Amino acid sequence: MFLNDLSKTDLDHIDNLSIEFIYSYLSTINIDSQRHTLCDFRSYLQFINRIDLLQRIEGICSPRTKKIISVLSDDENMRIQNVLNSDKVTIRDKQFSY
């Protein structure tokens, strides 16, 4: 994605790649994708041996988004327990649920 966007700019040589360009590019990226993009940047900068830029972006940390894991509601838990406590479920199946 970065290289595709890079080809659309007026940058004529990769040696002219600047930290300002990287910062402006990162500002256009969705916050959920920034961690992945920074990882790509680091790999690419190592590949082209731009250690100067690599050191400049070394301290950039994109926020890690935490996703909420859905859990069963109290009503759903109670219904499951009612089924497990009934005779509708075999003993073997009950053991897998605990």
N, C-alpha and C. Protein backbone atom coordinates (compact mmCIF):
# COMPACT_ATOMS: atom_id res chain seq x y z
N MET A 1 0.82 -1.17 0.00
CA MET A 1 0.00 0.00 0.00
C MET A 1 0.88 1.26 0.00
N PHE A 2 1.90 1.25 0.83
CA PHE A 2 2.79 2.41 0.92
C PHE A 2 3.49 2.65 -0.42
N LEU A 3 4.02 1.60 -1.02
CA LEU A 3 4.73 1.77 -2.29
C LEU A 3 3.79 2.24 -3.39
N ASN A 4 2.57 1.77 -3.36
CA ASN A 4 1.59 2.22 -4.34
C ASN A 4 1.32 3.71 -4.16
N ASP A 5 1.15 4.14 -2.94
CA ASP A 5 0.93 5.56 -2.66
C ASP A 5 2.18 6.38 -2.96
N LEU A 6 3.32 5.79 -2.72
CA LEU A 6 4.58 6.47 -2.98
C LEU A 6 4.75 6.76 -4.47
N SER A 7 4.29 5.86 -5.29
CA SER A 7 4.42 6.05 -6.74
C SER A 7 3.54 7.21 -7.26
N LYS A 8 2.54 7.60 -6.48
CA LYS A 8 1.65 8.69 -6.89
C LYS A 8 2.17 10.07 -6.50
N THR A 9 3.27 10.12 -5.79
CA THR A 9 3.83 11.40 -5.35
C THR A 9 4.86 11.90 -6.35
N ASP A 10 5.38 13.08 -6.08
CA ASP A 10 6.41 13.64 -6.96
C ASP A 10 7.82 13.25 -6.51
N LEU A 11 7.92 12.28 -5.65
CA LEU A 11 9.22 11.80 -5.18
C LEU A 11 9.95 11.13 -6.34
N ASP A 12 11.11 11.67 -6.72
CA ASP A 12 11.80 11.13 -7.89
C ASP A 12 12.83 10.05 -7.54
N HIS A 13 13.27 10.01 -6.29
CA HIS A 13 14.24 8.99 -5.89
C HIS A 13 14.00 8.62 -4.43
N ILE A 14 14.23 7.38 -4.12
CA ILE A 14 13.96 6.89 -2.77
C ILE A 14 14.86 7.56 -1.74
N ASP A 15 16.00 8.05 -2.16
CA ASP A 15 16.89 8.77 -1.23
C ASP A 15 16.27 10.07 -0.76
N ASN A 16 15.28 10.58 -1.49
CA ASN A 16 14.61 11.82 -1.12
C ASN A 16 13.45 11.59 -0.15
N LEU A 17 13.24 10.37 0.24
CA LEU A 17 12.19 10.05 1.20
C LEU A 17 12.52 10.73 2.53
N SER A 18 11.56 11.46 3.07
CA SER A 18 11.83 12.23 4.29
C SER A 18 10.93 11.78 5.43
N ILE A 19 11.31 12.17 6.63
CA ILE A 19 10.52 11.85 7.80
C ILE A 19 9.19 12.59 7.75
N GLU A 20 9.18 13.77 7.16
CA GLU A 20 7.94 14.52 7.02
C GLU A 20 6.94 13.77 6.16
N PHE A 21 7.44 13.16 5.08
CA PHE A 21 6.56 12.37 4.22
C PHE A 21 5.98 11.18 5.00
N ILE A 22 6.80 10.52 5.78
CA ILE A 22 6.35 9.38 6.57
C ILE A 22 5.29 9.81 7.58
N TYR A 23 5.53 10.92 8.27
CA TYR A 23 4.55 11.43 9.24
C TYR A 23 3.23 11.78 8.56
N SER A 24 3.30 12.45 7.43
CA SER A 24 2.06 12.83 6.74
C SER A 24 1.34 11.58 6.22
N TYR A 25 2.09 10.60 5.78
CA TYR A 25 1.46 9.37 5.32
C TYR A 25 0.78 8.64 6.47
N LEU A 26 1.45 8.57 7.62
CA LEU A 26 0.85 7.90 8.78
C LEU A 26 -0.42 8.60 9.25
N SER A 27 -0.48 9.91 9.06
CA SER A 27 -1.68 10.64 9.49
C SER A 27 -2.89 10.30 8.63
N THR A 28 -2.67 9.75 7.44
CA THR A 28 -3.78 9.38 6.57
C THR A 28 -4.26 7.96 6.81
N ILE A 29 -3.51 7.19 7.59
CA ILE A 29 -3.83 5.78 7.82
C ILE A 29 -4.80 5.66 8.99
N ASN A 30 -5.74 4.76 8.85
CA ASN A 30 -6.69 4.45 9.93
C ASN A 30 -5.90 4.02 11.16
N ILE A 31 -6.34 4.45 12.33
CA ILE A 31 -5.61 4.17 13.57
C ILE A 31 -5.49 2.67 13.84
N ASP A 32 -6.46 1.88 13.36
CA ASP A 32 -6.39 0.44 13.55
C ASP A 32 -5.32 -0.21 12.67
N SER A 33 -4.92 0.46 11.63
CA SER A 33 -3.93 -0.08 10.69
C SER A 33 -2.53 0.49 10.90
N GLN A 34 -2.39 1.46 11.76
CA GLN A 34 -1.10 2.14 11.91
C GLN A 34 -0.01 1.22 12.43
N ARG A 35 -0.33 0.31 13.34
CA ARG A 35 0.69 -0.60 13.87
C ARG A 35 1.26 -1.46 12.74
N HIS A 36 0.38 -1.95 11.89
CA HIS A 36 0.82 -2.78 10.77
C HIS A 36 1.64 -1.94 9.78
N THR A 37 1.20 -0.72 9.52
CA THR A 37 1.91 0.15 8.60
C THR A 37 3.30 0.50 9.12
N LEU A 38 3.41 0.77 10.42
CA LEU A 38 4.72 1.06 11.01
C LEU A 38 5.66 -0.14 10.87
N CYS A 39 5.13 -1.32 11.05
CA CYS A 39 5.93 -2.53 10.89
C CYS A 39 6.42 -2.64 9.44
N ASP A 40 5.54 -2.34 8.50
CA ASP A 40 5.93 -2.35 7.08
C ASP A 40 7.00 -1.31 6.81
N PHE A 41 6.83 -0.12 7.36
CA PHE A 41 7.83 0.94 7.19
C PHE A 41 9.19 0.47 7.69
N ARG A 42 9.21 -0.08 8.87
CA ARG A 42 10.49 -0.51 9.45
C ARG A 42 11.18 -1.55 8.58
N SER A 43 10.41 -2.49 8.09
CA SER A 43 10.98 -3.53 7.21
C SER A 43 11.50 -2.91 5.91
N TYR A 44 10.70 -2.03 5.33
CA TYR A 44 11.10 -1.41 4.07
C TYR A 44 12.33 -0.53 4.24
N LEU A 45 12.36 0.24 5.32
CA LEU A 45 13.52 1.11 5.54
C LEU A 45 14.79 0.31 5.79
N GLN A 46 14.68 -0.83 6.43
CA GLN A 46 15.84 -1.70 6.59
C GLN A 46 16.28 -2.24 5.24
N PHE A 47 15.30 -2.61 4.41
CA PHE A 47 15.61 -3.16 3.09
C PHE A 47 16.36 -2.16 2.22
N ILE A 48 15.94 -0.89 2.25
CA ILE A 48 16.61 0.12 1.43
C ILE A 48 17.77 0.78 2.16
N ASN A 49 18.07 0.27 3.35
CA ASN A 49 19.22 0.73 4.14
C ASN A 49 19.12 2.22 4.50
N ARG A 50 17.93 2.64 4.90
CA ARG A 50 17.73 4.02 5.36
C ARG A 50 17.68 4.00 6.89
N ILE A 51 18.82 3.75 7.49
CA ILE A 51 18.93 3.64 8.94
C ILE A 51 18.59 4.97 9.61
N ASP A 52 18.88 6.08 8.94
CA ASP A 52 18.56 7.40 9.51
C ASP A 52 17.05 7.55 9.74
N LEU A 53 16.24 7.15 8.76
CA LEU A 53 14.79 7.23 8.93
C LEU A 53 14.28 6.16 9.88
N LEU A 54 14.91 5.03 9.84
CA LEU A 54 14.52 3.94 10.74
C LEU A 54 14.69 4.36 12.19
N GLN A 55 15.78 5.05 12.49
CA GLN A 55 16.00 5.54 13.85
C GLN A 55 15.00 6.62 14.23
N ARG A 56 14.57 7.42 13.26
CA ARG A 56 13.62 8.50 13.55
C ARG A 56 12.22 7.97 13.86
N ILE A 57 11.83 6.86 13.23
CA ILE A 57 10.49 6.33 13.48
C ILE A 57 10.50 5.26 14.57
N GLU A 58 11.68 4.99 15.10
CA GLU A 58 11.81 3.93 16.11
C GLU A 58 10.94 4.19 17.34
N GLY A 59 10.81 5.42 17.74
CA GLY A 59 10.06 5.74 18.94
C GLY A 59 8.56 5.92 18.74
N ILE A 60 8.10 5.83 17.50
CA ILE A 60 6.67 6.01 17.24
C ILE A 60 5.93 4.75 17.68
N CYS A 61 4.95 4.94 18.54
CA CYS A 61 4.13 3.82 18.98
C CYS A 61 2.68 4.16 18.70
N SER A 62 2.08 3.34 17.89
CA SER A 62 0.67 3.54 17.59
C SER A 62 -0.15 2.90 18.70
N PRO A 63 -1.26 3.50 19.07
CA PRO A 63 -2.06 2.92 20.15
C PRO A 63 -2.63 1.56 19.76
N ARG A 64 -2.61 0.67 20.71
CA ARG A 64 -3.17 -0.66 20.48
C ARG A 64 -4.65 -0.60 20.84
N THR A 65 -5.46 -0.96 19.89
CA THR A 65 -6.90 -0.96 20.14
C THR A 65 -7.28 -2.28 20.78
N LYS A 66 -8.05 -2.19 21.83
CA LYS A 66 -8.51 -3.40 22.51
C LYS A 66 -9.92 -3.69 22.09
N LYS A 67 -10.13 -4.92 21.71
CA LYS A 67 -11.46 -5.32 21.28
C LYS A 67 -12.16 -6.00 22.45
N ILE A 68 -13.42 -5.68 22.61
CA ILE A 68 -14.21 -6.27 23.67
C ILE A 68 -14.72 -7.63 23.21
N ILE A 69 -14.43 -8.63 24.00
CA ILE A 69 -14.89 -9.97 23.68
C ILE A 69 -16.30 -10.11 24.21
N SER A 70 -17.19 -10.52 23.33
CA SER A 70 -18.58 -10.64 23.77
C SER A 70 -18.72 -11.85 24.69
N VAL A 71 -19.54 -11.71 25.67
CA VAL A 71 -19.82 -12.80 26.62
C VAL A 71 -21.31 -13.03 26.66
N LEU A 72 -21.68 -14.14 27.22
CA LEU A 72 -23.10 -14.46 27.33
C LEU A 72 -23.76 -13.59 28.39
N SER A 73 -25.00 -13.27 28.14
CA SER A 73 -25.76 -12.51 29.14
C SER A 73 -26.15 -13.44 30.28
N ASP A 74 -26.61 -12.85 31.37
CA ASP A 74 -27.05 -13.66 32.52
C ASP A 74 -28.19 -14.59 32.13
N ASP A 75 -29.10 -14.09 31.31
CA ASP A 75 -30.23 -14.92 30.87
C ASP A 75 -29.75 -16.11 30.04
N GLU A 76 -28.78 -15.87 29.14
CA GLU A 76 -28.25 -16.96 28.32
C GLU A 76 -27.53 -18.00 29.19
N ASN A 77 -26.76 -17.52 30.15
CA ASN A 77 -26.08 -18.45 31.07
C ASN A 77 -27.08 -19.29 31.85
N MET A 78 -28.15 -18.67 32.32
CA MET A 78 -29.16 -19.39 33.09
C MET A 78 -29.85 -20.45 32.21
N ARG A 79 -30.15 -20.10 30.97
CA ARG A 79 -30.79 -21.07 30.09
C ARG A 79 -29.87 -22.26 29.80
N ILE A 80 -28.59 -22.00 29.64
CA ILE A 80 -27.64 -23.09 29.43
C ILE A 80 -27.58 -23.98 30.67
N GLN A 81 -27.50 -23.37 31.83
CA GLN A 81 -27.48 -24.15 33.07
C GLN A 81 -28.74 -24.98 33.25
N ASN A 82 -29.88 -24.43 32.89
CA ASN A 82 -31.13 -25.18 32.99
C ASN A 82 -31.11 -26.41 32.09
N VAL A 83 -30.58 -26.27 30.91
CA VAL A 83 -30.49 -27.42 30.00
C VAL A 83 -29.50 -28.44 30.53
N LEU A 84 -28.38 -27.97 31.04
CA LEU A 84 -27.37 -28.90 31.56
C LEU A 84 -27.87 -29.64 32.80
N ASN A 85 -28.70 -29.00 33.58
CA ASN A 85 -29.23 -29.65 34.78
C ASN A 85 -30.42 -30.55 34.48
N SER A 86 -30.92 -30.50 33.26
CA SER A 86 -32.05 -31.35 32.91
C SER A 86 -31.56 -32.70 32.41
N ASP A 87 -32.49 -33.56 32.09
CA ASP A 87 -32.15 -34.89 31.56
C ASP A 87 -31.99 -34.88 30.05
N LYS A 88 -32.05 -33.74 29.42
CA LYS A 88 -31.95 -33.63 27.97
C LYS A 88 -30.52 -33.80 27.48
N VAL A 89 -29.58 -33.66 28.38
CA VAL A 89 -28.17 -33.72 28.01
C VAL A 89 -27.55 -34.94 28.70
N THR A 90 -26.73 -35.68 27.94
CA THR A 90 -26.09 -36.87 28.52
C THR A 90 -25.00 -36.46 29.51
N ILE A 91 -24.61 -37.36 30.34
CA ILE A 91 -23.54 -37.08 31.33
C ILE A 91 -22.25 -36.72 30.62
N ARG A 92 -21.96 -37.40 29.54
CA ARG A 92 -20.73 -37.13 28.77
C ARG A 92 -20.73 -35.67 28.28
N ASP A 93 -21.86 -35.23 27.71
CA ASP A 93 -21.95 -33.86 27.19
C ASP A 93 -21.87 -32.84 28.32
N LYS A 94 -22.42 -33.17 29.46
CA LYS A 94 -22.34 -32.25 30.60
C LYS A 94 -20.91 -32.03 31.05
N GLN A 95 -20.09 -33.07 30.95
CA GLN A 95 -18.69 -32.94 31.38
C GLN A 95 -17.90 -31.98 30.48
N PHE A 96 -18.27 -31.90 29.21
CA PHE A 96 -17.57 -30.99 28.31
C PHE A 96 -17.92 -29.54 28.55
N SER A 97 -19.01 -29.29 29.22
CA SER A 97 -19.45 -27.90 29.43
C SER A 97 -18.88 -27.30 30.68
N TYR A 98 -18.27 -28.09 31.54
CA TYR A 98 -17.74 -27.55 32.81
C TYR A 98 -16.28 -27.28 32.72
